[in-house]
Amino acid sequence: MTYQSQNLPADHPPVTTGKVGLLLVNLGTPDAPTPAAVKRYLREFLSDRRVVELPAIAWQPILRGIVLNIRPKKSAHAYQQVWTDRGSPLAVITEDQAAGLQQRLGDGVQVSFAMRYGNPSIPSRLAEMMEAGCERIVLAPLYPQYSGATNATVVDKVADTLKAMRWQPALRTLPPYYDDPAYIDALAKDLGRQLDALTFQPELLLLSFHGMPQRTLELGDPYHCHCRKTARLLSDALVGPGLRIETSFQSRFGSAKWLEPATDVVLEEEARKGTKRVAIAAPGFSADCLETLEELAIRGQEQFMEAGGEQFATLSCLNTGEAGMDMLEMLMRRELAGWI
């Protein structure tokens, strides 16, 4: 509501208050599939101390002297393979998820979305929501499995933003939902539907999660355990005749030891062992992005086929499908309870 007290001066601006907001947050994307835009994005992303847990004095010279001079061109080419007329797939799908939730939740809540790195930024979206009168906001990082490099850094950025705000909103944060029955059920329904629609019967369903350095597990990050539990629960829900399900981790970066087994290694080893038909899914991603559309669907298929495989299918993420949107609505209504 817009509040204008009779006791305020006549020239006092109207103040909009009393609204509830929901802010979906995903990892991020460059503004364009160009080396310059990718460089800006990577500079922000790889400068986050939760993403690269090395002392800045050791990491920044490597980042600025080597990584940002080599990786942007390669990554820009990868983004060009998946870019859409509306922009980055991750941003487009997250925007559509927000629009879908707005329709489902109605006028009682203002739904928006932001990227942790890149645009639209978390500070800009929070400012817009406060300007619109959102005094209570649910912050929803769309990462089912918790990690310091994902969920925690979203909260860090929000906290940094709040420090500069005189009038702060009340906040709730969506917890990780890696073992939530609604999430497992949505995955099982959606992946089951996609498997049934394939023109071949996979021998192997590979569940590929984004990788993390092994050191994060040793330091107490629960991400690896969350991924394993998701995989176990999903495997139980997807049991079918002749379908073997394995778990792997993708997107290794740098020379440090990462969580294993690595997705690219598994694909090559399976093909060499005689596995001919593989389907791959990425249940840890809430929306298709560079890592699923290029790394898995393009490079993953090439690796498998070149090693001797014959049939390969990349299954879509939940995206804006009915099962995924039903799940998101349920999770968000639970966190919004008592506010709307």
Protein backbone atom coordinates (compact mmCIF):
# COMPACT_ATOMS: atom_id res chain seq x y z
CA MET A 1 0.00 0.00 0.00
CA THR A 2 1.08 3.62 -0.47
CA TYR A 3 1.16 5.47 2.83
CA GLN A 4 0.72 9.26 3.10
CA SER A 5 0.11 10.38 6.69
CA GLN A 6 -1.85 13.55 7.38
CA ASN A 7 0.88 14.45 9.87
CA LEU A 8 3.60 14.53 7.18
CA PRO A 9 4.59 17.72 5.38
CA ALA A 10 2.67 18.38 2.18
CA ASP A 11 5.80 17.93 0.08
CA HIS A 12 6.72 14.57 1.66
CA PRO A 13 6.91 11.88 -1.04
CA PRO A 14 4.49 8.94 -0.83
CA VAL A 15 5.99 5.86 0.78
CA THR A 16 5.02 2.42 -0.54
CA THR A 17 5.05 -0.23 2.16
CA GLY A 18 3.60 -3.55 3.22
CA LYS A 19 4.49 -5.70 0.22
CA VAL A 20 6.15 -9.12 0.13
CA GLY A 21 8.89 -10.02 -2.35
CA LEU A 22 10.43 -13.23 -3.67
CA LEU A 23 13.88 -13.03 -5.24
CA LEU A 24 15.11 -16.04 -7.23
CA VAL A 25 18.90 -16.12 -7.58
CA ASN A 26 21.06 -18.18 -9.88
CA LEU A 27 24.79 -18.22 -10.54
CA GLY A 28 25.21 -15.75 -13.35
CA THR A 29 26.16 -15.13 -16.93
CA PRO A 30 28.06 -12.69 -19.11
CA ASP A 31 26.03 -9.97 -20.79
CA ALA A 32 27.04 -11.21 -24.25
CA PRO A 33 28.92 -14.16 -25.77
CA THR A 34 32.01 -12.05 -26.43
CA PRO A 35 35.51 -12.26 -24.95
CA ALA A 36 35.17 -8.79 -23.39
CA ALA A 37 31.86 -9.59 -21.68
CA VAL A 38 33.08 -13.00 -20.55
CA LYS A 39 36.22 -11.40 -19.13
CA ARG A 40 34.14 -9.00 -17.00
CA TYR A 41 32.00 -11.88 -15.80
CA LEU A 42 34.94 -14.15 -14.98
CA ARG A 43 36.77 -11.35 -13.17
CA GLU A 44 33.84 -10.96 -10.79
CA PHE A 45 33.15 -14.69 -10.48
CA LEU A 46 36.72 -15.86 -9.95
CA SER A 47 37.55 -13.02 -7.57
CA ASP A 48 35.00 -14.31 -5.05
CA ARG A 49 36.96 -15.74 -2.13
CA ARG A 50 34.31 -18.44 -1.65
CA VAL A 51 34.71 -19.60 -5.25
CA VAL A 52 38.50 -19.69 -5.25
CA GLU A 53 39.70 -20.27 -1.71
CA LEU A 54 43.27 -19.13 -2.19
CA PRO A 55 44.96 -16.10 -0.64
CA ALA A 56 44.35 -13.10 -2.91
CA ILE A 57 48.06 -12.31 -2.97
CA ALA A 58 48.67 -15.69 -4.61
CA TRP A 59 45.55 -15.99 -6.77
CA GLN A 60 45.04 -12.49 -8.20
CA PRO A 61 48.32 -12.44 -10.20
CA ILE A 62 47.36 -15.80 -11.73
CA LEU A 63 43.82 -14.63 -12.43
CA ARG A 64 44.80 -11.31 -14.00
CA GLY A 65 48.01 -12.42 -15.64
CA ILE A 66 46.97 -15.79 -17.06
CA VAL A 67 43.33 -16.84 -16.64
CA LEU A 68 41.69 -13.60 -17.80
CA ASN A 69 43.99 -13.44 -20.82
CA ILE A 70 43.34 -17.01 -21.99
CA ARG A 71 39.98 -18.29 -20.80
CA PRO A 72 37.58 -15.53 -22.04
CA LYS A 73 38.09 -16.32 -25.74
CA LYS A 74 37.54 -20.04 -25.19
CA SER A 75 34.51 -19.49 -22.94
CA ALA A 76 33.02 -16.93 -25.36
CA HIS A 77 33.13 -19.54 -28.12
CA ALA A 78 31.33 -21.99 -25.83
CA TYR A 79 28.64 -19.42 -25.00
CA GLN A 80 28.15 -18.71 -28.70
CA GLN A 81 27.13 -22.35 -29.17
CA VAL A 82 24.16 -22.00 -26.80
CA TRP A 83 23.22 -18.29 -26.85
CA THR A 84 19.59 -17.54 -27.73
CA ASP A 85 17.75 -14.61 -29.29
CA ARG A 86 16.75 -13.56 -25.77
CA GLY A 87 20.23 -13.98 -24.34
CA SER A 88 21.95 -16.48 -22.06
CA PRO A 89 19.87 -19.65 -21.51
CA LEU A 90 20.41 -19.49 -17.75
CA ALA A 91 19.13 -15.90 -17.49
CA VAL A 92 16.23 -16.54 -19.87
CA ILE A 93 15.05 -19.66 -18.04
CA THR A 94 15.41 -18.07 -14.60
CA GLU A 95 13.41 -15.06 -15.80
CA ASP A 96 10.71 -17.39 -17.11
CA GLN A 97 10.66 -19.30 -13.82
CA ALA A 98 10.09 -16.01 -12.01
CA ALA A 99 7.30 -15.07 -14.42
CA GLY A 100 5.69 -18.48 -13.96
CA LEU A 101 5.82 -18.18 -10.20
CA GLN A 102 4.33 -14.68 -10.38
CA GLN A 103 1.31 -16.12 -12.19
CA ARG A 104 0.99 -18.99 -9.73
CA LEU A 105 1.45 -16.93 -6.56
CA GLY A 106 -0.67 -13.97 -7.60
CA ASP A 107 -0.56 -10.32 -6.62
CA GLY A 108 0.19 -11.05 -2.97
CA VAL A 109 3.90 -11.32 -3.73
CA GLN A 110 6.25 -9.53 -6.11
CA VAL A 111 8.52 -12.07 -7.82
CA SER A 112 11.85 -11.09 -9.33
CA PHE A 113 15.16 -12.73 -10.25
CA ALA A 114 18.84 -11.88 -10.07
CA MET A 115 22.23 -13.30 -10.93
CA ARG A 116 24.94 -13.64 -8.30
CA TYR A 117 27.53 -12.61 -10.90
CA GLY A 118 26.63 -10.36 -13.80
CA ASN A 119 23.21 -8.88 -14.49
CA PRO A 120 20.59 -8.34 -13.25
CA SER A 121 22.56 -7.94 -10.04
CA ILE A 122 21.38 -8.70 -6.53
CA PRO A 123 21.86 -5.08 -5.32
CA SER A 124 19.83 -3.66 -8.21
CA ARG A 125 16.97 -6.10 -7.67
CA LEU A 126 16.86 -5.52 -3.91
CA ALA A 127 16.76 -1.77 -4.51
CA GLU A 128 13.87 -2.21 -6.96
CA MET A 129 11.95 -4.38 -4.53
CA MET A 130 12.42 -1.96 -1.65
CA GLU A 131 11.36 0.92 -3.89
CA ALA A 132 8.21 -1.05 -4.70
CA GLY A 133 7.45 -1.42 -1.00
CA CYS A 134 8.66 -4.95 -0.30
CA GLU A 135 9.37 -4.90 3.42
CA ARG A 136 9.57 -8.71 3.60
CA ILE A 137 11.62 -10.65 1.07
CA VAL A 138 12.24 -14.36 0.60
CA LEU A 139 15.69 -14.92 -0.86
CA ALA A 140 15.70 -18.10 -2.96
CA PRO A 141 19.09 -19.36 -4.17
CA LEU A 142 18.20 -21.99 -6.78
CA TYR A 143 20.88 -24.46 -5.70
CA PRO A 144 19.37 -27.72 -4.42
CA GLN A 145 22.67 -28.88 -2.86
CA TYR A 146 24.31 -26.45 -0.44
CA SER A 147 27.83 -25.17 -1.00
CA GLY A 148 29.78 -22.26 0.35
CA ALA A 149 30.61 -21.36 -3.26
CA THR A 150 26.94 -21.05 -4.23
CA ASN A 151 24.34 -20.60 -1.46
CA ALA A 152 26.68 -18.88 0.97
CA THR A 153 28.04 -16.38 -1.51
CA VAL A 154 24.49 -15.32 -2.40
CA VAL A 155 23.85 -14.54 1.26
CA ASP A 156 27.22 -12.75 1.44
CA LYS A 157 26.22 -10.47 -1.44
CA VAL A 158 22.84 -9.74 0.10
CA ALA A 159 24.52 -8.92 3.42
CA ASP A 160 26.95 -6.57 1.70
CA THR A 161 24.00 -4.86 0.04
CA LEU A 162 22.08 -4.53 3.31
CA LYS A 163 25.05 -2.81 4.93
CA ALA A 164 24.50 0.18 2.66
CA MET A 165 20.73 0.35 3.27
CA ARG A 166 19.26 2.51 6.00
CA TRP A 167 15.85 0.83 5.71
CA GLN A 168 16.37 -2.92 5.48
CA PRO A 169 13.70 -5.50 4.65
CA ALA A 170 13.00 -8.55 6.76
CA LEU A 171 14.54 -11.60 5.09
CA ARG A 172 14.00 -15.34 4.87
CA THR A 173 16.35 -17.63 2.94
CA LEU A 174 15.27 -20.75 1.08
CA PRO A 175 17.25 -23.67 2.54
CA PRO A 176 18.88 -26.29 0.31
CA TYR A 177 16.32 -28.82 -0.88
CA TYR A 178 18.57 -31.68 -2.03
CA ASP A 179 16.51 -34.35 -0.24
CA ASP A 180 13.10 -32.69 -0.22
CA PRO A 181 10.47 -35.20 -1.38
CA ALA A 182 8.99 -32.58 -3.71
CA TYR A 183 12.36 -32.11 -5.44
CA ILE A 184 13.06 -35.82 -5.77
CA ASP A 185 9.54 -36.44 -7.05
CA ALA A 186 9.84 -33.63 -9.62
CA LEU A 187 13.16 -34.99 -10.86
CA ALA A 188 11.82 -38.53 -11.07
CA LYS A 189 8.72 -37.47 -13.00
CA ASP A 190 10.55 -35.19 -15.40
CA LEU A 191 13.52 -37.46 -16.07
CA GLY A 192 11.22 -40.47 -16.32
CA ARG A 193 9.17 -38.65 -18.96
CA GLN A 194 12.28 -37.78 -20.94
CA LEU A 195 13.69 -41.30 -20.72
CA ASP A 196 10.41 -42.75 -21.95
CA ALA A 197 10.52 -40.39 -24.95
CA LEU A 198 13.99 -41.47 -26.11
CA THR A 199 14.29 -43.47 -29.30
CA PHE A 200 16.72 -45.87 -27.61
CA GLN A 201 17.02 -47.68 -24.28
CA PRO A 202 20.01 -46.32 -22.31
CA GLU A 203 22.29 -48.80 -20.61
CA LEU A 204 23.51 -46.07 -18.28
CA LEU A 205 21.96 -42.94 -16.80
CA LEU A 206 24.79 -40.71 -15.60
CA LEU A 207 23.88 -38.10 -12.98
CA SER A 208 26.40 -35.31 -13.41
CA PHE A 209 26.75 -32.68 -10.68
CA HIS A 210 28.91 -29.59 -10.85
CA GLY A 211 32.30 -30.35 -9.36
CA MET A 212 34.07 -28.72 -6.43
CA PRO A 213 37.67 -28.98 -5.27
CA GLN A 214 38.23 -32.00 -3.02
CA ARG A 215 39.53 -29.56 -0.41
CA THR A 216 36.04 -28.13 0.11
CA LEU A 217 34.83 -31.53 1.31
CA GLU A 218 37.78 -31.87 3.65
CA LEU A 219 37.08 -28.41 5.09
CA GLY A 220 33.50 -29.39 5.95
CA ASP A 221 31.43 -28.23 2.98
CA PRO A 222 28.35 -30.53 2.78
CA TYR A 223 28.02 -30.26 -1.00
CA HIS A 224 29.45 -33.69 -1.85
CA CYS A 225 27.21 -35.41 0.70
CA HIS A 226 24.16 -33.52 -0.56
CA CYS A 227 24.87 -34.57 -4.15
CA ARG A 228 25.33 -38.18 -3.14
CA LYS A 229 22.07 -38.22 -1.20
CA THR A 230 20.17 -36.64 -4.09
CA ALA A 231 21.62 -39.27 -6.42
CA ARG A 232 20.71 -42.12 -4.07
CA LEU A 233 17.13 -40.93 -3.56
CA LEU A 234 16.66 -40.25 -7.26
CA SER A 235 18.11 -43.64 -8.18
CA ASP A 236 15.62 -45.33 -5.85
CA ALA A 237 12.77 -43.38 -7.47
CA LEU A 238 13.92 -44.16 -11.02
CA VAL A 239 14.58 -47.87 -10.72
CA GLY A 240 13.77 -49.51 -14.03
CA PRO A 241 14.66 -52.71 -15.87
CA GLY A 242 18.15 -52.65 -17.30
CA LEU A 243 18.92 -49.06 -16.24
CA ARG A 244 22.19 -48.59 -14.38
CA ILE A 245 22.63 -45.22 -12.63
CA GLU A 246 26.00 -43.69 -11.74
CA THR A 247 27.10 -40.34 -10.31
CA SER A 248 29.90 -38.05 -11.50
CA PHE A 249 31.18 -34.47 -11.19
CA GLN A 250 31.87 -32.08 -14.05
CA SER A 251 33.53 -28.72 -14.82
CA ARG A 252 36.98 -29.25 -13.35
CA PHE A 253 39.12 -26.12 -13.31
CA GLY A 254 42.79 -25.69 -12.47
CA SER A 255 45.31 -28.22 -11.24
CA ALA A 256 43.87 -28.99 -7.79
CA LYS A 257 42.22 -32.35 -7.07
CA TRP A 258 38.45 -32.17 -7.60
CA LEU A 259 35.58 -34.39 -6.54
CA GLU A 260 35.56 -37.68 -8.41
CA PRO A 261 34.72 -39.49 -10.57
CA ALA A 262 34.96 -36.82 -13.27
CA THR A 263 32.16 -36.81 -15.83
CA ASP A 264 34.43 -36.65 -18.88
CA VAL A 265 36.55 -39.52 -17.57
CA VAL A 266 33.48 -41.65 -16.85
CA LEU A 267 32.06 -41.10 -20.34
CA GLU A 268 35.31 -42.17 -22.01
CA GLU A 269 35.82 -45.15 -19.70
CA GLU A 270 32.25 -46.38 -20.17
CA ALA A 271 32.57 -46.25 -23.95
CA ARG A 272 35.88 -48.10 -23.87
CA LYS A 273 34.36 -50.77 -21.62
CA GLY A 274 31.65 -51.40 -24.19
CA THR A 275 28.76 -49.22 -23.03
CA LYS A 276 27.02 -48.10 -26.22
CA ARG A 277 23.96 -46.17 -25.07
CA VAL A 278 24.09 -43.41 -22.44
CA ALA A 279 21.73 -40.75 -21.15
CA ILE A 280 23.08 -37.98 -18.95
CA ALA A 281 21.23 -35.66 -16.58
CA ALA A 282 22.33 -32.77 -14.36
CA PRO A 283 19.96 -32.78 -11.36
CA GLY A 284 21.96 -30.18 -9.44
CA PHE A 285 21.17 -27.45 -11.98
CA SER A 286 17.78 -25.75 -11.70
CA ALA A 287 18.03 -24.47 -15.28
CA ASP A 288 19.93 -25.44 -18.39
CA CYS A 289 23.08 -23.40 -18.88
CA LEU A 290 26.54 -23.49 -20.43
CA GLU A 291 27.51 -26.50 -18.31
CA THR A 292 24.59 -28.60 -19.54
CA LEU A 293 24.01 -27.32 -23.07
CA GLU A 294 27.65 -27.08 -24.16
CA GLU A 295 29.79 -29.07 -21.73
CA LEU A 296 27.47 -32.10 -21.57
CA ALA A 297 25.29 -31.99 -24.67
CA ILE A 298 28.06 -31.03 -27.11
CA ARG A 299 31.46 -31.89 -25.66
CA GLY A 300 30.19 -34.79 -23.56
CA GLN A 301 28.58 -36.41 -26.57
CA GLU A 302 31.74 -35.93 -28.64
CA GLN A 303 33.87 -37.55 -25.93
CA PHE A 304 31.55 -40.53 -25.61
CA MET A 305 31.15 -41.13 -29.34
CA GLU A 306 34.86 -40.73 -30.11
CA ALA A 307 35.65 -43.33 -27.42
CA GLY A 308 33.32 -45.88 -29.02
CA GLY A 309 29.82 -44.99 -27.86
CA GLU A 310 26.90 -45.13 -30.28
CA GLN A 311 23.88 -43.36 -28.79
CA PHE A 312 23.88 -40.40 -26.39
CA ALA A 313 21.14 -38.19 -24.95
CA THR A 314 21.37 -35.18 -22.67
CA LEU A 315 18.22 -34.79 -20.56
CA SER A 316 16.96 -31.30 -19.83
CA CYS A 317 16.94 -29.71 -16.39
CA LEU A 318 13.63 -29.02 -14.68
CA ASN A 319 13.54 -25.52 -16.20
CA THR A 320 9.94 -24.30 -16.59
CA GLY A 321 8.41 -27.74 -17.05
CA GLU A 322 5.25 -28.54 -15.11
CA ALA A 323 6.97 -30.83 -12.61
CA GLY A 324 9.68 -28.29 -11.87
CA MET A 325 7.29 -25.36 -11.55
CA ASP A 326 4.98 -27.35 -9.27
CA MET A 327 7.98 -28.05 -7.06
CA LEU A 328 9.13 -24.41 -7.03
CA GLU A 329 5.64 -23.22 -6.18
CA MET A 330 5.42 -25.65 -3.26
CA LEU A 331 8.84 -24.66 -1.91
CA MET A 332 8.15 -20.94 -2.23
CA ARG A 333 4.69 -21.13 -0.66
CA ARG A 334 6.25 -22.94 2.28
CA GLU A 335 8.84 -20.20 2.79
CA LEU A 336 6.25 -17.46 2.26
CA ALA A 337 3.84 -18.97 4.80
CA GLY A 338 2.54 -16.36 7.21
CA TRP A 339 3.56 -13.53 4.88
CA ILE A 340 1.00 -14.09 2.14
